[in-house]
């Protein structure tokens, strides 16, 4: 269990398969809705779009803040878990590019939840833990596969993470997702061997 899963996850009973599917659908839908509409999105709309009743949503997440926290934790976990899979199934540069694109999407969802996250994530240690987990995922991609690594030796995972954060802010400020893709291409030219 990673540090990002938090204490609440350790004490929860496993869900029935149908309840787990509902929760997964709720979290996936909530991430998309928060990215699109921000933290002001209606939980009723999230439930409807996920194809579940609002009672199901409130049984799993009694407050919007708990829903936001769960979405955030799931998105971080998915992003970190994607790195080994991408490294194993794609050429190194494609794996890194795909992960970077997913990171930008994660940041868009996180931005949509920013106000609520400030209330939920008050522990600096947790933010630093998240940053470390994301840098570890990047490091895995930078050094994936014996002899397959396409990264320059001086490429540093923390630097790449900070650059991606900047790309995310610039693209969001301009409201242009296509700008993020172009800037990722530029970043890759600096990270990847010629």
N, C-alpha and C. Protein backbone atom coordinates (compact mmCIF):
# COMPACT_ATOMS: atom_id res chain seq x y z
N UNK A 1 0.86 -1.17 0.00
CA UNK A 1 0.00 0.00 0.00
C UNK A 1 0.90 1.22 0.00
N UNK A 2 0.68 2.15 -0.92
CA UNK A 2 1.50 3.35 -0.99
C UNK A 2 1.01 4.36 0.01
N UNK A 3 1.85 5.35 0.31
CA UNK A 3 1.49 6.39 1.26
C UNK A 3 0.32 7.22 0.82
N UNK A 4 0.06 7.28 -0.45
CA UNK A 4 -1.01 8.14 -0.97
C UNK A 4 -2.39 7.59 -0.67
N UNK A 5 -2.47 6.32 -0.33
CA UNK A 5 -3.79 5.73 -0.11
C UNK A 5 -4.40 6.16 1.21
N UNK A 6 -3.58 6.61 2.15
CA UNK A 6 -4.10 7.18 3.38
C UNK A 6 -4.63 6.16 4.37
N UNK A 7 -4.91 6.66 5.56
CA UNK A 7 -5.38 5.80 6.65
C UNK A 7 -6.76 5.23 6.40
N UNK A 8 -7.64 6.01 5.80
CA UNK A 8 -9.02 5.55 5.59
C UNK A 8 -9.06 4.27 4.76
N UNK A 9 -8.21 4.19 3.75
CA UNK A 9 -8.21 3.03 2.87
C UNK A 9 -7.79 1.76 3.62
N UNK A 10 -6.95 1.90 4.62
CA UNK A 10 -6.48 0.73 5.37
C UNK A 10 -7.58 0.10 6.20
N UNK A 11 -8.58 0.89 6.59
CA UNK A 11 -9.61 0.41 7.50
C UNK A 11 -10.92 0.07 6.80
N UNK A 12 -11.00 0.24 5.51
CA UNK A 12 -12.23 -0.07 4.77
C UNK A 12 -12.32 -1.54 4.47
N UNK A 13 -13.54 -2.05 4.56
CA UNK A 13 -13.77 -3.43 4.15
C UNK A 13 -13.78 -3.48 2.63
N UNK A 14 -13.38 -4.63 2.07
CA UNK A 14 -13.46 -4.77 0.61
C UNK A 14 -14.92 -4.66 0.16
N UNK A 15 -15.11 -4.07 -1.00
CA UNK A 15 -16.46 -3.90 -1.55
C UNK A 15 -16.85 -5.12 -2.36
N UNK A 16 -18.17 -5.36 -2.44
CA UNK A 16 -18.67 -6.36 -3.38
C UNK A 16 -18.27 -5.91 -4.79
N UNK A 17 -18.24 -6.83 -5.71
CA UNK A 17 -17.80 -6.52 -7.08
C UNK A 17 -18.65 -5.42 -7.70
N UNK A 18 -19.99 -5.48 -7.54
CA UNK A 18 -20.85 -4.46 -8.15
C UNK A 18 -20.65 -3.11 -7.47
N UNK A 19 -20.45 -3.11 -6.16
CA UNK A 19 -20.21 -1.85 -5.45
C UNK A 19 -18.87 -1.25 -5.86
N UNK A 20 -17.86 -2.11 -6.07
CA UNK A 20 -16.56 -1.63 -6.52
C UNK A 20 -16.66 -1.01 -7.92
N UNK A 21 -17.43 -1.66 -8.79
CA UNK A 21 -17.61 -1.10 -10.14
C UNK A 21 -18.29 0.26 -10.05
N UNK A 22 -19.32 0.40 -9.19
CA UNK A 22 -19.99 1.69 -9.02
C UNK A 22 -19.02 2.74 -8.51
N UNK A 23 -18.21 2.38 -7.52
CA UNK A 23 -17.26 3.34 -6.98
C UNK A 23 -16.24 3.75 -8.05
N UNK A 24 -15.72 2.78 -8.78
CA UNK A 24 -14.75 3.09 -9.84
C UNK A 24 -15.37 4.02 -10.88
N UNK A 25 -16.62 3.73 -11.27
CA UNK A 25 -17.31 4.57 -12.26
C UNK A 25 -17.53 5.98 -11.70
N UNK A 26 -17.92 6.07 -10.43
CA UNK A 26 -18.11 7.38 -9.80
C UNK A 26 -16.82 8.19 -9.79
N UNK A 27 -15.72 7.55 -9.41
CA UNK A 27 -14.45 8.27 -9.34
C UNK A 27 -13.96 8.70 -10.71
N UNK A 28 -14.11 7.83 -11.69
CA UNK A 28 -13.70 8.17 -13.05
C UNK A 28 -14.54 9.33 -13.60
N UNK A 29 -15.84 9.24 -13.38
CA UNK A 29 -16.74 10.29 -13.84
C UNK A 29 -16.47 11.59 -13.11
N UNK A 30 -16.29 11.52 -11.79
CA UNK A 30 -16.03 12.73 -11.01
C UNK A 30 -14.75 13.41 -11.48
N UNK A 31 -13.71 12.65 -11.79
CA UNK A 31 -12.46 13.24 -12.27
C UNK A 31 -12.71 14.01 -13.57
N UNK A 32 -13.47 13.41 -14.48
CA UNK A 32 -13.76 14.08 -15.76
C UNK A 32 -14.62 15.32 -15.54
N UNK A 33 -15.61 15.22 -14.67
CA UNK A 33 -16.51 16.36 -14.43
C UNK A 33 -15.76 17.48 -13.71
N UNK A 34 -14.93 17.16 -12.72
CA UNK A 34 -14.16 18.19 -12.02
C UNK A 34 -13.20 18.88 -12.98
N UNK A 35 -12.59 18.12 -13.89
CA UNK A 35 -11.68 18.71 -14.87
C UNK A 35 -12.43 19.66 -15.79
N UNK A 36 -13.65 19.28 -16.14
CA UNK A 36 -14.45 20.07 -17.08
C UNK A 36 -15.12 21.26 -16.41
N UNK A 37 -15.67 21.07 -15.20
CA UNK A 37 -16.52 22.09 -14.58
C UNK A 37 -15.95 22.69 -13.30
N UNK A 38 -14.88 22.11 -12.77
CA UNK A 38 -14.32 22.59 -11.52
C UNK A 38 -15.01 21.98 -10.32
N UNK A 39 -14.55 22.40 -9.13
CA UNK A 39 -15.05 21.82 -7.89
C UNK A 39 -16.50 22.20 -7.62
N UNK A 40 -17.02 23.17 -8.33
CA UNK A 40 -18.42 23.57 -8.16
C UNK A 40 -19.39 22.62 -8.85
N UNK A 41 -18.87 21.60 -9.49
CA UNK A 41 -19.73 20.64 -10.18
C UNK A 41 -20.71 20.01 -9.20
N UNK A 42 -21.88 19.74 -9.68
CA UNK A 42 -22.94 19.16 -8.86
C UNK A 42 -22.71 17.66 -8.66
N UNK A 43 -22.82 17.21 -7.40
CA UNK A 43 -22.68 15.78 -7.15
C UNK A 43 -23.84 15.02 -7.79
N UNK A 44 -24.98 15.65 -7.90
CA UNK A 44 -26.12 15.00 -8.57
C UNK A 44 -25.78 14.75 -10.04
N UNK A 45 -25.15 15.73 -10.68
CA UNK A 45 -24.75 15.56 -12.08
C UNK A 45 -23.69 14.46 -12.22
N UNK A 46 -22.77 14.41 -11.26
CA UNK A 46 -21.73 13.36 -11.29
C UNK A 46 -22.39 11.99 -11.18
N UNK A 47 -23.31 11.84 -10.23
CA UNK A 47 -24.00 10.56 -10.05
C UNK A 47 -24.76 10.18 -11.31
N UNK A 48 -25.49 11.13 -11.88
CA UNK A 48 -26.28 10.85 -13.08
C UNK A 48 -25.38 10.45 -14.24
N UNK A 49 -24.28 11.19 -14.44
CA UNK A 49 -23.36 10.88 -15.53
C UNK A 49 -22.69 9.52 -15.33
N UNK A 50 -22.48 9.14 -14.06
CA UNK A 50 -21.87 7.83 -13.75
C UNK A 50 -22.88 6.70 -13.85
N UNK A 51 -24.16 7.05 -13.96
CA UNK A 51 -25.19 6.03 -14.08
C UNK A 51 -25.57 5.38 -12.76
N UNK A 52 -25.39 6.13 -11.66
CA UNK A 52 -25.78 5.62 -10.34
C UNK A 52 -26.67 6.66 -9.67
N UNK A 53 -27.37 6.24 -8.65
CA UNK A 53 -28.20 7.16 -7.89
C UNK A 53 -27.36 8.02 -6.97
N UNK A 54 -27.88 9.18 -6.63
CA UNK A 54 -27.16 10.09 -5.74
C UNK A 54 -26.97 9.45 -4.36
N UNK A 55 -27.89 8.57 -3.97
CA UNK A 55 -27.75 7.86 -2.70
C UNK A 55 -26.52 6.97 -2.69
N UNK A 56 -26.23 6.33 -3.82
CA UNK A 56 -25.03 5.51 -3.95
C UNK A 56 -23.79 6.37 -3.77
N UNK A 57 -23.80 7.54 -4.39
CA UNK A 57 -22.66 8.45 -4.26
C UNK A 57 -22.47 8.84 -2.79
N UNK A 58 -23.55 9.25 -2.13
CA UNK A 58 -23.43 9.71 -0.74
C UNK A 58 -23.11 8.57 0.24
N UNK A 59 -23.51 7.34 -0.07
CA UNK A 59 -23.13 6.22 0.79
C UNK A 59 -21.61 6.02 0.77
N UNK A 60 -21.02 6.17 -0.39
CA UNK A 60 -19.57 5.98 -0.53
C UNK A 60 -18.80 7.23 -0.11
N UNK A 61 -19.37 8.39 -0.42
CA UNK A 61 -18.68 9.66 -0.17
C UNK A 61 -19.67 10.63 0.46
N UNK A 62 -19.76 10.64 1.80
CA UNK A 62 -20.77 11.45 2.48
C UNK A 62 -20.64 12.97 2.26
N UNK A 63 -19.49 13.42 1.78
CA UNK A 63 -19.34 14.85 1.48
C UNK A 63 -18.59 15.01 0.16
N UNK A 64 -18.74 16.17 -0.43
CA UNK A 64 -18.03 16.44 -1.68
C UNK A 64 -16.52 16.42 -1.45
N UNK A 65 -16.09 16.88 -0.28
CA UNK A 65 -14.65 16.89 0.02
C UNK A 65 -14.08 15.48 0.01
N UNK A 66 -14.83 14.52 0.57
CA UNK A 66 -14.36 13.13 0.56
C UNK A 66 -14.32 12.57 -0.86
N UNK A 67 -15.26 12.97 -1.70
CA UNK A 67 -15.24 12.56 -3.10
C UNK A 67 -14.01 13.14 -3.80
N UNK A 68 -13.75 14.42 -3.58
CA UNK A 68 -12.58 15.07 -4.19
C UNK A 68 -11.30 14.38 -3.75
N UNK A 69 -11.20 14.09 -2.46
CA UNK A 69 -10.00 13.42 -1.95
C UNK A 69 -9.84 12.03 -2.58
N UNK A 70 -10.93 11.29 -2.70
CA UNK A 70 -10.87 9.95 -3.29
C UNK A 70 -10.47 10.02 -4.76
N UNK A 71 -11.01 11.00 -5.49
CA UNK A 71 -10.65 11.17 -6.90
C UNK A 71 -9.15 11.47 -7.01
N UNK A 72 -8.69 12.39 -6.19
CA UNK A 72 -7.28 12.76 -6.22
C UNK A 72 -6.39 11.55 -5.96
N UNK A 73 -6.70 10.79 -4.92
CA UNK A 73 -5.89 9.63 -4.57
C UNK A 73 -5.91 8.57 -5.68
N UNK A 74 -7.08 8.36 -6.25
CA UNK A 74 -7.18 7.37 -7.33
C UNK A 74 -6.38 7.82 -8.55
N UNK A 75 -6.48 9.08 -8.90
CA UNK A 75 -5.77 9.57 -10.08
C UNK A 75 -4.25 9.50 -9.88
N UNK A 76 -3.77 9.82 -8.68
CA UNK A 76 -2.33 9.70 -8.40
C UNK A 76 -1.92 8.24 -8.52
N UNK A 77 -2.70 7.35 -7.91
CA UNK A 77 -2.38 5.92 -7.94
C UNK A 77 -2.35 5.41 -9.39
N UNK A 78 -3.36 5.77 -10.18
CA UNK A 78 -3.40 5.31 -11.58
C UNK A 78 -2.21 5.81 -12.37
N UNK A 79 -1.87 7.06 -12.16
CA UNK A 79 -0.74 7.65 -12.88
C UNK A 79 0.56 6.93 -12.52
N UNK A 80 0.75 6.67 -11.25
CA UNK A 80 1.97 5.96 -10.81
C UNK A 80 1.99 4.53 -11.30
N UNK A 81 0.86 3.86 -11.26
CA UNK A 81 0.79 2.47 -11.72
C UNK A 81 0.94 2.34 -13.23
N UNK A 82 0.65 3.41 -13.95
CA UNK A 82 0.76 3.35 -15.42
C UNK A 82 2.20 3.27 -15.89
N UNK A 83 3.13 3.84 -15.14
CA UNK A 83 4.53 3.90 -15.59
C UNK A 83 5.11 2.52 -15.91
N UNK A 84 5.06 1.55 -15.01
CA UNK A 84 5.63 0.24 -15.35
C UNK A 84 4.93 -0.43 -16.53
N UNK A 85 3.62 -0.27 -16.60
CA UNK A 85 2.87 -0.86 -17.73
C UNK A 85 3.30 -0.23 -19.05
N UNK A 86 3.36 1.09 -19.08
CA UNK A 86 3.77 1.77 -20.31
C UNK A 86 5.19 1.40 -20.70
N UNK A 87 6.08 1.33 -19.70
CA UNK A 87 7.48 0.98 -19.98
C UNK A 87 7.61 -0.43 -20.55
N UNK A 88 6.71 -1.31 -20.12
CA UNK A 88 6.77 -2.71 -20.58
C UNK A 88 6.13 -2.91 -21.94
N UNK A 89 5.25 -2.01 -22.34
CA UNK A 89 4.47 -2.24 -23.57
C UNK A 89 4.78 -1.29 -24.71
N UNK A 90 5.49 -0.21 -24.45
CA UNK A 90 5.78 0.78 -25.50
C UNK A 90 7.28 1.04 -25.59
N UNK A 91 7.73 1.51 -26.75
CA UNK A 91 9.13 1.96 -26.82
C UNK A 91 9.33 3.09 -25.80
N UNK A 92 10.55 3.25 -25.27
CA UNK A 92 10.79 4.20 -24.19
C UNK A 92 10.26 5.62 -24.41
N UNK A 93 10.51 6.19 -25.58
CA UNK A 93 10.06 7.57 -25.82
C UNK A 93 8.53 7.63 -25.87
N UNK A 94 7.90 6.66 -26.49
CA UNK A 94 6.44 6.63 -26.55
C UNK A 94 5.83 6.44 -25.16
N UNK A 95 6.47 5.61 -24.34
CA UNK A 95 5.99 5.40 -22.97
C UNK A 95 6.07 6.69 -22.18
N UNK A 96 7.18 7.40 -22.31
CA UNK A 96 7.35 8.66 -21.59
C UNK A 96 6.35 9.70 -22.08
N UNK A 97 6.18 9.82 -23.38
CA UNK A 97 5.23 10.79 -23.94
C UNK A 97 3.80 10.48 -23.48
N UNK A 98 3.42 9.23 -23.53
CA UNK A 98 2.07 8.83 -23.12
C UNK A 98 1.84 9.17 -21.64
N UNK A 99 2.83 8.88 -20.81
CA UNK A 99 2.71 9.19 -19.38
C UNK A 99 2.61 10.69 -19.16
N UNK A 100 3.41 11.46 -19.90
CA UNK A 100 3.37 12.92 -19.76
C UNK A 100 1.99 13.47 -20.14
N UNK A 101 1.41 12.94 -21.19
CA UNK A 101 0.06 13.37 -21.59
C UNK A 101 -0.95 13.04 -20.49
N UNK A 102 -0.82 11.86 -19.89
CA UNK A 102 -1.71 11.49 -18.79
C UNK A 102 -1.52 12.41 -17.59
N UNK A 103 -0.27 12.80 -17.35
CA UNK A 103 0.00 13.73 -16.25
C UNK A 103 -0.71 15.06 -16.48
N UNK A 104 -0.68 15.56 -17.69
CA UNK A 104 -1.36 16.82 -18.01
C UNK A 104 -2.86 16.68 -17.75
N UNK A 105 -3.44 15.56 -18.13
CA UNK A 105 -4.86 15.33 -17.86
C UNK A 105 -5.13 15.26 -16.36
N UNK A 106 -4.24 14.62 -15.62
CA UNK A 106 -4.34 14.56 -14.15
C UNK A 106 -4.32 15.97 -13.58
N UNK A 107 -3.41 16.80 -14.07
CA UNK A 107 -3.30 18.16 -13.56
C UNK A 107 -4.54 18.98 -13.89
N UNK A 108 -5.16 18.72 -15.03
CA UNK A 108 -6.41 19.42 -15.37
C UNK A 108 -7.50 19.05 -14.37
N UNK A 109 -7.60 17.77 -14.05
CA UNK A 109 -8.60 17.34 -13.07
C UNK A 109 -8.27 17.93 -11.71
N UNK A 110 -6.99 17.92 -11.34
CA UNK A 110 -6.57 18.47 -10.05
C UNK A 110 -6.86 19.96 -9.99
N UNK A 111 -6.63 20.66 -11.08
CA UNK A 111 -6.92 22.09 -11.12
C UNK A 111 -8.40 22.35 -10.90
N UNK A 112 -9.24 21.51 -11.50
CA UNK A 112 -10.68 21.66 -11.32
C UNK A 112 -11.12 21.42 -9.89
N UNK A 113 -10.29 20.72 -9.12
CA UNK A 113 -10.62 20.41 -7.73
C UNK A 113 -9.79 21.25 -6.76
N UNK A 114 -9.05 22.23 -7.25
CA UNK A 114 -8.04 22.93 -6.45
C UNK A 114 -8.60 23.51 -5.15
N UNK A 115 -9.73 24.20 -5.21
CA UNK A 115 -10.27 24.80 -3.99
C UNK A 115 -10.60 23.74 -2.94
N UNK A 116 -11.23 22.68 -3.37
CA UNK A 116 -11.59 21.61 -2.44
C UNK A 116 -10.34 20.88 -1.94
N UNK A 117 -9.34 20.71 -2.79
CA UNK A 117 -8.12 20.03 -2.36
C UNK A 117 -7.37 20.82 -1.30
N UNK A 118 -7.44 22.15 -1.37
CA UNK A 118 -6.79 22.97 -0.35
C UNK A 118 -7.37 22.69 1.04
N UNK A 119 -8.65 22.36 1.09
CA UNK A 119 -9.30 22.03 2.36
C UNK A 119 -8.94 20.62 2.80
N UNK A 120 -8.87 19.71 1.84
CA UNK A 120 -8.66 18.29 2.14
C UNK A 120 -7.20 17.96 2.40
N UNK A 121 -6.32 18.47 1.56
CA UNK A 121 -4.89 18.12 1.64
C UNK A 121 -4.13 19.23 2.35
N UNK A 122 -4.16 19.22 3.64
CA UNK A 122 -3.51 20.27 4.42
C UNK A 122 -2.13 19.86 4.90
N UNK A 123 -1.77 18.61 4.73
CA UNK A 123 -0.50 18.07 5.22
C UNK A 123 0.59 18.22 4.15
N UNK A 124 1.61 19.02 4.45
CA UNK A 124 2.71 19.19 3.50
C UNK A 124 3.41 17.86 3.22
N UNK A 125 3.47 17.00 4.22
CA UNK A 125 4.10 15.70 4.05
C UNK A 125 3.41 14.88 2.98
N UNK A 126 2.09 14.96 2.93
CA UNK A 126 1.34 14.22 1.91
C UNK A 126 1.62 14.77 0.52
N UNK A 127 1.69 16.08 0.40
CA UNK A 127 2.02 16.67 -0.91
C UNK A 127 3.41 16.24 -1.36
N UNK A 128 4.36 16.25 -0.42
CA UNK A 128 5.72 15.83 -0.76
C UNK A 128 5.76 14.35 -1.12
N UNK A 129 4.96 13.54 -0.43
CA UNK A 129 4.88 12.11 -0.74
C UNK A 129 4.34 11.90 -2.16
N UNK A 130 3.30 12.66 -2.50
CA UNK A 130 2.73 12.56 -3.86
C UNK A 130 3.78 12.94 -4.89
N UNK A 131 4.48 14.03 -4.63
CA UNK A 131 5.53 14.47 -5.56
C UNK A 131 6.60 13.39 -5.71
N UNK A 132 6.98 12.75 -4.61
CA UNK A 132 7.99 11.69 -4.66
C UNK A 132 7.50 10.49 -5.46
N UNK A 133 6.23 10.12 -5.27
CA UNK A 133 5.66 8.99 -6.02
C UNK A 133 5.63 9.29 -7.52
N UNK A 134 5.26 10.52 -7.89
CA UNK A 134 5.22 10.89 -9.31
C UNK A 134 6.63 10.93 -9.90
N UNK A 135 7.59 11.46 -9.14
CA UNK A 135 8.98 11.47 -9.62
C UNK A 135 9.51 10.05 -9.78
N UNK A 136 9.12 9.17 -8.88
CA UNK A 136 9.53 7.75 -8.99
C UNK A 136 8.98 7.13 -10.27
N UNK A 137 7.74 7.47 -10.61
CA UNK A 137 7.15 6.95 -11.86
C UNK A 137 7.92 7.48 -13.07
N UNK A 138 8.27 8.76 -13.04
CA UNK A 138 9.04 9.34 -14.14
C UNK A 138 10.41 8.69 -14.22
N UNK A 139 11.05 8.51 -13.08
CA UNK A 139 12.36 7.88 -13.05
C UNK A 139 12.31 6.48 -13.66
N UNK A 140 11.25 5.76 -13.36
CA UNK A 140 11.08 4.43 -13.94
C UNK A 140 11.04 4.52 -15.47
N UNK A 141 10.33 5.50 -15.98
CA UNK A 141 10.23 5.67 -17.43
C UNK A 141 11.55 6.14 -18.03
N UNK A 142 12.26 7.00 -17.32
CA UNK A 142 13.54 7.50 -17.84
C UNK A 142 14.59 6.39 -17.92
N UNK A 143 14.49 5.42 -17.04
CA UNK A 143 15.51 4.37 -16.99
C UNK A 143 14.97 3.00 -17.36
N UNK A 144 13.82 2.97 -18.03
CA UNK A 144 13.16 1.69 -18.31
C UNK A 144 13.96 0.83 -19.26
N UNK A 145 13.96 -0.45 -18.95
CA UNK A 145 14.55 -1.45 -19.84
C UNK A 145 16.05 -1.36 -19.96
N UNK A 146 16.73 -2.38 -19.53
CA UNK A 146 18.18 -2.42 -19.64
C UNK A 146 18.60 -2.14 -21.09
N UNK A 147 19.35 -1.07 -21.27
CA UNK A 147 19.82 -0.72 -22.60
C UNK A 147 18.78 -0.09 -23.49
N UNK A 148 17.53 0.03 -23.01
CA UNK A 148 16.47 0.60 -23.84
C UNK A 148 16.27 2.09 -23.56
N UNK A 149 16.82 2.58 -22.46
CA UNK A 149 16.57 3.95 -22.05
C UNK A 149 16.95 4.92 -23.16
N UNK A 150 16.03 5.79 -23.45
CA UNK A 150 16.28 6.81 -24.47
C UNK A 150 16.61 8.15 -23.82
N UNK A 151 16.61 8.21 -22.49
CA UNK A 151 16.82 9.47 -21.79
C UNK A 151 18.30 9.82 -21.72
N UNK A 152 18.56 11.10 -21.75
CA UNK A 152 19.93 11.58 -21.54
C UNK A 152 20.33 11.24 -20.10
N UNK A 153 21.59 10.96 -19.87
CA UNK A 153 22.02 10.59 -18.51
C UNK A 153 21.75 11.68 -17.47
N UNK A 154 21.79 12.94 -17.89
CA UNK A 154 21.58 14.04 -16.95
C UNK A 154 20.10 14.35 -16.71
N UNK A 155 19.20 13.64 -17.39
CA UNK A 155 17.76 13.87 -17.20
C UNK A 155 17.38 13.46 -15.78
N UNK A 156 16.78 14.38 -15.05
CA UNK A 156 16.42 14.16 -13.65
C UNK A 156 14.90 14.13 -13.52
N UNK A 157 14.39 13.10 -12.84
CA UNK A 157 12.93 12.93 -12.71
C UNK A 157 12.27 14.13 -12.04
N UNK A 158 12.88 14.68 -11.00
CA UNK A 158 12.29 15.85 -10.33
C UNK A 158 12.22 17.04 -11.28
N UNK A 159 13.26 17.24 -12.08
CA UNK A 159 13.26 18.35 -13.05
C UNK A 159 12.16 18.16 -14.09
N UNK A 160 12.02 16.93 -14.57
CA UNK A 160 10.97 16.64 -15.56
C UNK A 160 9.60 16.89 -14.94
N UNK A 161 9.41 16.48 -13.69
CA UNK A 161 8.14 16.69 -13.01
C UNK A 161 7.84 18.18 -12.88
N UNK A 162 8.83 18.97 -12.49
CA UNK A 162 8.62 20.42 -12.37
C UNK A 162 8.31 21.04 -13.73
N UNK A 163 9.00 20.59 -14.77
CA UNK A 163 8.73 21.11 -16.12
C UNK A 163 7.31 20.78 -16.55
N UNK A 164 6.87 19.55 -16.24
CA UNK A 164 5.50 19.16 -16.59
C UNK A 164 4.48 20.01 -15.82
N UNK A 165 4.79 20.31 -14.56
CA UNK A 165 3.91 21.18 -13.79
C UNK A 165 3.80 22.55 -14.44
N UNK A 166 4.92 23.08 -14.91
CA UNK A 166 4.90 24.37 -15.60
C UNK A 166 4.11 24.31 -16.90
N UNK A 167 4.30 23.24 -17.65
CA UNK A 167 3.54 23.06 -18.89
C UNK A 167 2.05 23.04 -18.59
N UNK A 168 1.69 22.32 -17.55
CA UNK A 168 0.29 22.23 -17.17
C UNK A 168 -0.29 23.60 -16.84
N UNK A 169 0.45 24.38 -16.06
CA UNK A 169 -0.03 25.73 -15.69
C UNK A 169 -0.18 26.63 -16.91
N UNK A 170 0.81 26.58 -17.81
CA UNK A 170 0.74 27.43 -19.00
C UNK A 170 -0.43 27.05 -19.90
N UNK A 171 -0.60 25.75 -20.13
CA UNK A 171 -1.69 25.30 -21.00
C UNK A 171 -3.04 25.62 -20.38
N UNK A 172 -3.16 25.45 -19.06
CA UNK A 172 -4.43 25.76 -18.39
C UNK A 172 -4.69 27.26 -18.42
N UNK A 173 -3.65 28.07 -18.22
CA UNK A 173 -3.80 29.52 -18.25
C UNK A 173 -4.27 30.03 -19.60
N UNK A 174 -3.85 29.36 -20.64
CA UNK A 174 -4.26 29.72 -22.00
C UNK A 174 -5.51 28.97 -22.43
N UNK A 175 -5.95 28.02 -21.58
CA UNK A 175 -7.10 27.16 -21.91
C UNK A 175 -6.89 26.44 -23.24
N UNK A 176 -5.67 25.88 -23.38
CA UNK A 176 -5.29 25.22 -24.64
C UNK A 176 -4.58 23.91 -24.37
N UNK A 177 -5.31 22.83 -24.43
CA UNK A 177 -4.73 21.49 -24.22
C UNK A 177 -3.70 21.18 -25.30
N UNK A 178 -3.92 21.65 -26.53
CA UNK A 178 -2.98 21.41 -27.61
C UNK A 178 -1.61 22.04 -27.34
N UNK A 179 -1.60 23.13 -26.60
CA UNK A 179 -0.34 23.78 -26.23
C UNK A 179 0.49 22.83 -25.35
N UNK A 180 -0.17 22.13 -24.45
CA UNK A 180 0.53 21.18 -23.58
C UNK A 180 1.22 20.10 -24.42
N UNK A 181 0.56 19.58 -25.41
CA UNK A 181 1.15 18.54 -26.25
C UNK A 181 2.38 19.08 -26.98
N UNK A 182 2.28 20.29 -27.51
CA UNK A 182 3.43 20.88 -28.20
C UNK A 182 4.60 21.11 -27.24
N UNK A 183 4.30 21.57 -26.03
CA UNK A 183 5.36 21.80 -25.05
C UNK A 183 5.96 20.49 -24.55
N UNK A 184 5.16 19.45 -24.46
CA UNK A 184 5.70 18.13 -24.11
C UNK A 184 6.69 17.68 -25.18
N UNK A 185 6.37 17.91 -26.44
CA UNK A 185 7.30 17.56 -27.52
C UNK A 185 8.63 18.29 -27.35
N UNK A 186 8.56 19.58 -26.98
CA UNK A 186 9.78 20.35 -26.75
C UNK A 186 10.56 19.79 -25.54
N UNK A 187 9.85 19.46 -24.47
CA UNK A 187 10.50 18.90 -23.29
C UNK A 187 11.18 17.58 -23.64
N UNK A 188 10.51 16.75 -24.40
CA UNK A 188 11.08 15.46 -24.78
C UNK A 188 12.38 15.64 -25.58
N UNK A 189 12.44 16.68 -26.38
CA UNK A 189 13.68 16.93 -27.15
C UNK A 189 14.84 17.22 -26.22
N UNK A 190 14.55 17.79 -25.05
CA UNK A 190 15.62 18.05 -24.08
C UNK A 190 15.94 16.86 -23.21
N UNK A 191 15.02 15.94 -23.06
CA UNK A 191 15.20 14.80 -22.16
C UNK A 191 15.75 13.58 -22.90
N UNK A 192 15.34 13.42 -24.15
CA UNK A 192 15.65 12.21 -24.91
C UNK A 192 16.94 12.41 -25.71
N UNK A 193 17.71 11.33 -25.79
CA UNK A 193 18.95 11.36 -26.58
C UNK A 193 18.60 11.55 -28.04
N UNK A 194 19.47 12.22 -28.75
CA UNK A 194 19.27 12.44 -30.19
C UNK A 194 19.64 11.22 -30.97
